[in-house]
Amino acid sequence: MTIPQAPYTPPPPAKKGLFTLPRVLIGVGLVLALCCGGLAFGGYKLFDTVKDALAPARDAAVAFLDEVEDGDDAGAYAMFCEDMQATATQSQFTAGVEQRGRTKDHKITGVSVSTVNGVSTGTVTATLTEAGGGTRQTVIVMAKEAGTWKVCSNPF
């Protein structure tokens, strides 16, 4: 006697998890959000660090230009580095400012700072407005002496 065989039936298809595609998309979205957030935070911190490095040199140049515009040549001369003070006296500096013409306003257009072998130097680019209304570009060379930014060029 032969036992009748049941007809072949394939196994049922594997069950797919409920809502698999949306779960994958949400996971990918979360990973992208975390990555973008990390990049944004890193960019902010980099900008903040660079801004903090440039601000003291910029502020010293602005203070120097303000002193010259206000007619306080002694105050401006005191902001010169040792090399500049050895090159020109205060009266020579004042004579040079008067000869070129005193400026009445300024706008800082660029700042660059670098430190090489522990020596910090920089340049501040400014547009100066002269008393007659004309403008001119100048580059102010800066150096850090004893922790203070000083002007190491005569921008006039």
C-alpha atoms as a PDB file:
ATOM      1  CA  MET A   1       0.000   0.000   0.000  1.00  0.00           C
ATOM      2  CA  THR A   2       1.164   3.333  -0.883  1.00  0.00           C
ATOM      3  CA  ILE A   3       0.608   6.382   1.160  1.00  0.00           C
ATOM      4  CA  PRO A   4      -0.691   9.234  -0.850  1.00  0.00           C
ATOM      5  CA  GLN A   5       1.574  12.265  -0.768  1.00  0.00           C
ATOM      6  CA  ALA A   6       0.219  15.670  -0.155  1.00  0.00           C
ATOM      7  CA  PRO A   7       0.647  18.071  -3.031  1.00  0.00           C
ATOM      8  CA  TYR A   8       3.702  20.350  -2.740  1.00  0.00           C
ATOM      9  CA  THR A   9       2.979  23.751  -1.290  1.00  0.00           C
ATOM     10  CA  PRO A  10       5.760  26.335  -1.108  1.00  0.00           C
ATOM     11  CA  PRO A  11       6.521  27.884   2.239  1.00  0.00           C
ATOM     12  CA  PRO A  12       4.713  31.134   2.956  1.00  0.00           C
ATOM     13  CA  PRO A  13       6.627  34.299   2.082  1.00  0.00           C
ATOM     14  CA  ALA A  14       8.692  35.846   4.877  1.00  0.00           C
ATOM     15  CA  LYS A  15       6.776  38.375   6.842  1.00  0.00           C
ATOM     16  CA  LYS A  16       7.959  41.905   6.297  1.00  0.00           C
ATOM     17  CA  GLY A  17       8.126  44.090   9.339  1.00  0.00           C
ATOM     18  CA  LEU A  18       5.326  46.505   9.656  1.00  0.00           C
ATOM     19  CA  PHE A  19       6.326  49.941   8.257  1.00  0.00           C
ATOM     20  CA  THR A  20       9.943  48.991   7.419  1.00  0.00           C
ATOM     21  CA  LEU A  21      10.490  51.731   4.832  1.00  0.00           C
ATOM     22  CA  PRO A  22       9.320  54.590   7.073  1.00  0.00           C
ATOM     23  CA  ARG A  23      11.541  53.331   9.898  1.00  0.00           C
ATOM     24  CA  VAL A  24      14.572  53.278   7.610  1.00  0.00           C
ATOM     25  CA  LEU A  25      13.811  56.761   6.322  1.00  0.00           C
ATOM     26  CA  ILE A  26      13.399  58.107   9.849  1.00  0.00           C
ATOM     27  CA  GLY A  27      16.724  56.547  10.880  1.00  0.00           C
ATOM     28  CA  VAL A  28      18.507  58.054   7.874  1.00  0.00           C
ATOM     29  CA  GLY A  29      16.874  61.407   8.605  1.00  0.00           C
ATOM     30  CA  LEU A  30      18.075  61.334  12.222  1.00  0.00           C
ATOM     31  CA  VAL A  31      21.631  60.501  11.172  1.00  0.00           C
ATOM     32  CA  LEU A  32      21.624  63.350   8.644  1.00  0.00           C
ATOM     33  CA  ALA A  33      20.208  65.767  11.206  1.00  0.00           C
ATOM     34  CA  LEU A  34      22.923  64.831  13.706  1.00  0.00           C
ATOM     35  CA  CYS A  35      25.653  65.208  11.088  1.00  0.00           C
ATOM     36  CA  CYS A  36      24.354  68.577   9.889  1.00  0.00           C
ATOM     37  CA  GLY A  37      23.965  69.782  13.465  1.00  0.00           C
ATOM     38  CA  GLY A  38      27.527  68.747  14.225  1.00  0.00           C
ATOM     39  CA  LEU A  39      28.821  70.569  11.165  1.00  0.00           C
ATOM     40  CA  ALA A  40      26.868  73.702  12.042  1.00  0.00           C
ATOM     41  CA  PHE A  41      28.171  73.661  15.619  1.00  0.00           C
ATOM     42  CA  GLY A  42      31.750  73.088  14.434  1.00  0.00           C
ATOM     43  CA  GLY A  43      31.462  75.950  11.960  1.00  0.00           C
ATOM     44  CA  TYR A  44      30.126  78.247  14.647  1.00  0.00           C
ATOM     45  CA  LYS A  45      32.957  77.361  17.044  1.00  0.00           C
ATOM     46  CA  LEU A  46      35.555  77.895  14.300  1.00  0.00           C
ATOM     47  CA  PHE A  47      34.084  81.297  13.436  1.00  0.00           C
ATOM     48  CA  ASP A  48      33.961  82.258  17.113  1.00  0.00           C
ATOM     49  CA  THR A  49      37.601  81.238  17.638  1.00  0.00           C
ATOM     50  CA  VAL A  50      38.825  83.172  14.576  1.00  0.00           C
ATOM     51  CA  LYS A  51      36.804  86.222  15.583  1.00  0.00           C
ATOM     52  CA  ASP A  52      38.345  86.140  19.060  1.00  0.00           C
ATOM     53  CA  ALA A  53      41.842  85.922  17.560  1.00  0.00           C
ATOM     54  CA  LEU A  54      41.290  88.908  15.219  1.00  0.00           C
ATOM     55  CA  ALA A  55      39.396  91.243  17.540  1.00  0.00           C
ATOM     56  CA  PRO A  56      42.311  92.495  19.716  1.00  0.00           C
ATOM     57  CA  ALA A  57      44.435  93.515  16.708  1.00  0.00           C
ATOM     58  CA  ARG A  58      41.431  95.161  15.063  1.00  0.00           C
ATOM     59  CA  ASP A  59      40.516  96.995  18.262  1.00  0.00           C
ATOM     60  CA  ALA A  60      44.071  98.321  18.678  1.00  0.00           C
ATOM     61  CA  ALA A  61      44.101  99.648  15.096  1.00  0.00           C
ATOM     62  CA  VAL A  62      40.699 101.289  15.583  1.00  0.00           C
ATOM     63  CA  ALA A  63      41.904 102.931  18.818  1.00  0.00           C
ATOM     64  CA  PHE A  64      44.997 104.229  16.992  1.00  0.00           C
ATOM     65  CA  LEU A  65      42.936 105.683  14.144  1.00  0.00           C
ATOM     66  CA  ASP A  66      40.470 107.219  16.615  1.00  0.00           C
ATOM     67  CA  GLU A  67      43.340 108.963  18.439  1.00  0.00           C
ATOM     68  CA  VAL A  68      44.661 110.415  15.168  1.00  0.00           C
ATOM     69  CA  GLU A  69      41.192 111.557  14.074  1.00  0.00           C
ATOM     70  CA  ASP A  70      40.610 113.194  17.473  1.00  0.00           C
ATOM     71  CA  GLY A  71      43.937 115.055  17.203  1.00  0.00           C
ATOM     72  CA  ASP A  72      45.534 113.154  20.087  1.00  0.00           C
ATOM     73  CA  ASP A  73      48.855 112.492  18.378  1.00  0.00           C
ATOM     74  CA  ALA A  74      50.554 111.752  21.718  1.00  0.00           C
ATOM     75  CA  GLY A  75      48.027 109.009  22.397  1.00  0.00           C
ATOM     76  CA  ALA A  76      48.441 107.618  18.889  1.00  0.00           C
ATOM     77  CA  TYR A  77      52.251 107.768  19.150  1.00  0.00           C
ATOM     78  CA  ALA A  78      52.095 105.797  22.420  1.00  0.00           C
ATOM     79  CA  MET A  79      50.416 102.985  20.451  1.00  0.00           C
ATOM     80  CA  PHE A  80      53.453 102.593  18.177  1.00  0.00           C
ATOM     81  CA  CYS A  81      55.689  99.564  18.670  1.00  0.00           C
ATOM     82  CA  GLU A  82      59.249 100.066  19.896  1.00  0.00           C
ATOM     83  CA  ASP A  83      60.693  99.905  16.363  1.00  0.00           C
ATOM     84  CA  MET A  84      58.418 102.712  15.131  1.00  0.00           C
ATOM     85  CA  GLN A  85      59.166 104.880  18.156  1.00  0.00           C
ATOM     86  CA  ALA A  86      62.884 104.376  17.495  1.00  0.00           C
ATOM     87  CA  THR A  87      62.375 105.408  13.848  1.00  0.00           C
ATOM     88  CA  ALA A  88      60.439 108.650  14.398  1.00  0.00           C
ATOM     89  CA  THR A  89      59.834 111.051  17.238  1.00  0.00           C
ATOM     90  CA  GLN A  90      56.376 112.147  18.262  1.00  0.00           C
ATOM     91  CA  SER A  91      56.881 115.570  16.650  1.00  0.00           C
ATOM     92  CA  GLN A  92      57.969 113.907  13.382  1.00  0.00           C
ATOM     93  CA  PHE A  93      54.857 111.722  13.502  1.00  0.00           C
ATOM     94  CA  THR A  94      52.609 114.749  14.110  1.00  0.00           C
ATOM     95  CA  ALA A  95      54.275 116.670  11.285  1.00  0.00           C
ATOM     96  CA  GLY A  96      53.698 113.723   8.945  1.00  0.00           C
ATOM     97  CA  VAL A  97      50.016 113.489   9.876  1.00  0.00           C
ATOM     98  CA  GLU A  98      49.530 117.237   9.343  1.00  0.00           C
ATOM     99  CA  GLN A  99      51.415 117.178   6.038  1.00  0.00           C
ATOM    100  CA  ARG A 100      49.365 114.293   4.656  1.00  0.00           C
ATOM    101  CA  GLY A 101      46.147 115.728   6.056  1.00  0.00           C
ATOM    102  CA  ARG A 102      44.264 114.518   9.099  1.00  0.00           C
ATOM    103  CA  THR A 103      41.613 111.904   8.480  1.00  0.00           C
ATOM    104  CA  LYS A 104      38.090 112.345   9.807  1.00  0.00           C
ATOM    105  CA  ASP A 105      36.769 108.789   9.630  1.00  0.00           C
ATOM    106  CA  HIS A 106      37.800 105.218   8.905  1.00  0.00           C
ATOM    107  CA  LYS A 107      36.298 101.859   8.041  1.00  0.00           C
ATOM    108  CA  ILE A 108      38.115  98.590   8.728  1.00  0.00           C
ATOM    109  CA  THR A 109      37.957  96.389   5.625  1.00  0.00           C
ATOM    110  CA  GLY A 110      40.193  93.486   6.584  1.00  0.00           C
ATOM    111  CA  VAL A 111      42.171  91.909   9.410  1.00  0.00           C
ATOM    112  CA  SER A 112      44.823  89.209   9.261  1.00  0.00           C
ATOM    113  CA  VAL A 113      46.741  87.774  12.217  1.00  0.00           C
ATOM    114  CA  SER A 114      49.404  85.078  12.400  1.00  0.00           C
ATOM    115  CA  THR A 115      51.691  83.641  15.048  1.00  0.00           C
ATOM    116  CA  VAL A 116      55.028  82.176  13.991  1.00  0.00           C
ATOM    117  CA  ASN A 117      57.468  80.850  16.590  1.00  0.00           C
ATOM    118  CA  GLY A 118      55.504  82.601  19.324  1.00  0.00           C
ATOM    119  CA  VAL A 119      55.613  86.030  17.640  1.00  0.00           C
ATOM    120  CA  SER A 120      52.171  87.434  16.799  1.00  0.00           C
ATOM    121  CA  THR A 121      51.884  89.885  13.912  1.00  0.00           C
ATOM    122  CA  GLY A 122      49.051  91.088  11.763  1.00  0.00           C
ATOM    123  CA  THR A 123      47.743  93.582   9.279  1.00  0.00           C
ATOM    124  CA  VAL A 124      44.619  95.697   9.406  1.00  0.00           C
ATOM    125  CA  THR A 125      43.348  97.168   6.148  1.00  0.00           C
ATOM    126  CA  ALA A 126      41.279 100.337   6.404  1.00  0.00           C
ATOM    127  CA  THR A 127      39.632 102.908   4.200  1.00  0.00           C
ATOM    128  CA  LEU A 128      40.406 106.382   5.528  1.00  0.00           C
ATOM    129  CA  THR A 129      38.154 109.346   4.821  1.00  0.00           C
ATOM    130  CA  GLU A 130      40.127 112.566   4.547  1.00  0.00           C
ATOM    131  CA  ALA A 131      38.929 115.961   5.751  1.00  0.00           C
ATOM    132  CA  GLY A 132      38.360 117.004   2.135  1.00  0.00           C
ATOM    133  CA  GLY A 133      36.006 114.066   1.565  1.00  0.00           C
ATOM    134  CA  GLY A 134      38.360 111.832  -0.430  1.00  0.00           C
ATOM    135  CA  THR A 135      39.121 108.282   0.607  1.00  0.00           C
ATOM    136  CA  ARG A 136      42.237 106.173   0.482  1.00  0.00           C
ATOM    137  CA  GLN A 137      43.215 102.649   1.453  1.00  0.00           C
ATOM    138  CA  THR A 138      45.925 101.951   4.004  1.00  0.00           C
ATOM    139  CA  VAL A 139      47.470  98.887   5.571  1.00  0.00           C
ATOM    140  CA  ILE A 140      48.441  99.057   9.236  1.00  0.00           C
ATOM    141  CA  VAL A 141      51.090  96.552  10.290  1.00  0.00           C
ATOM    142  CA  MET A 142      50.534  95.299  13.837  1.00  0.00           C
ATOM    143  CA  ALA A 143      52.738  93.395  16.315  1.00  0.00           C
ATOM    144  CA  LYS A 144      52.043  92.042  19.758  1.00  0.00           C
ATOM    145  CA  GLU A 145      54.522  93.418  22.312  1.00  0.00           C
ATOM    146  CA  ALA A 146      54.294  92.363  25.961  1.00  0.00           C
ATOM    147  CA  GLY A 147      50.754  91.108  25.413  1.00  0.00           C
ATOM    148  CA  THR A 148      49.495  94.324  23.787  1.00  0.00           C
ATOM    149  CA  TRP A 149      48.880  94.933  20.085  1.00  0.00           C
ATOM    150  CA  LYS A 150      50.939  97.860  18.780  1.00  0.00           C
ATOM    151  CA  VAL A 151      51.085  99.684  15.434  1.00  0.00           C
ATOM    152  CA  CYS A 152      54.333  98.953  13.574  1.00  0.00           C
ATOM    153  CA  SER A 153      53.908 101.065  10.468  1.00  0.00           C
ATOM    154  CA  ASN A 154      52.992 104.648   9.666  1.00  0.00           C
ATOM    155  CA  PRO A 155      49.722 104.434   7.760  1.00  0.00           C
ATOM    156  CA  PHE A 156      49.798 108.123   6.861  1.00  0.00           C
END
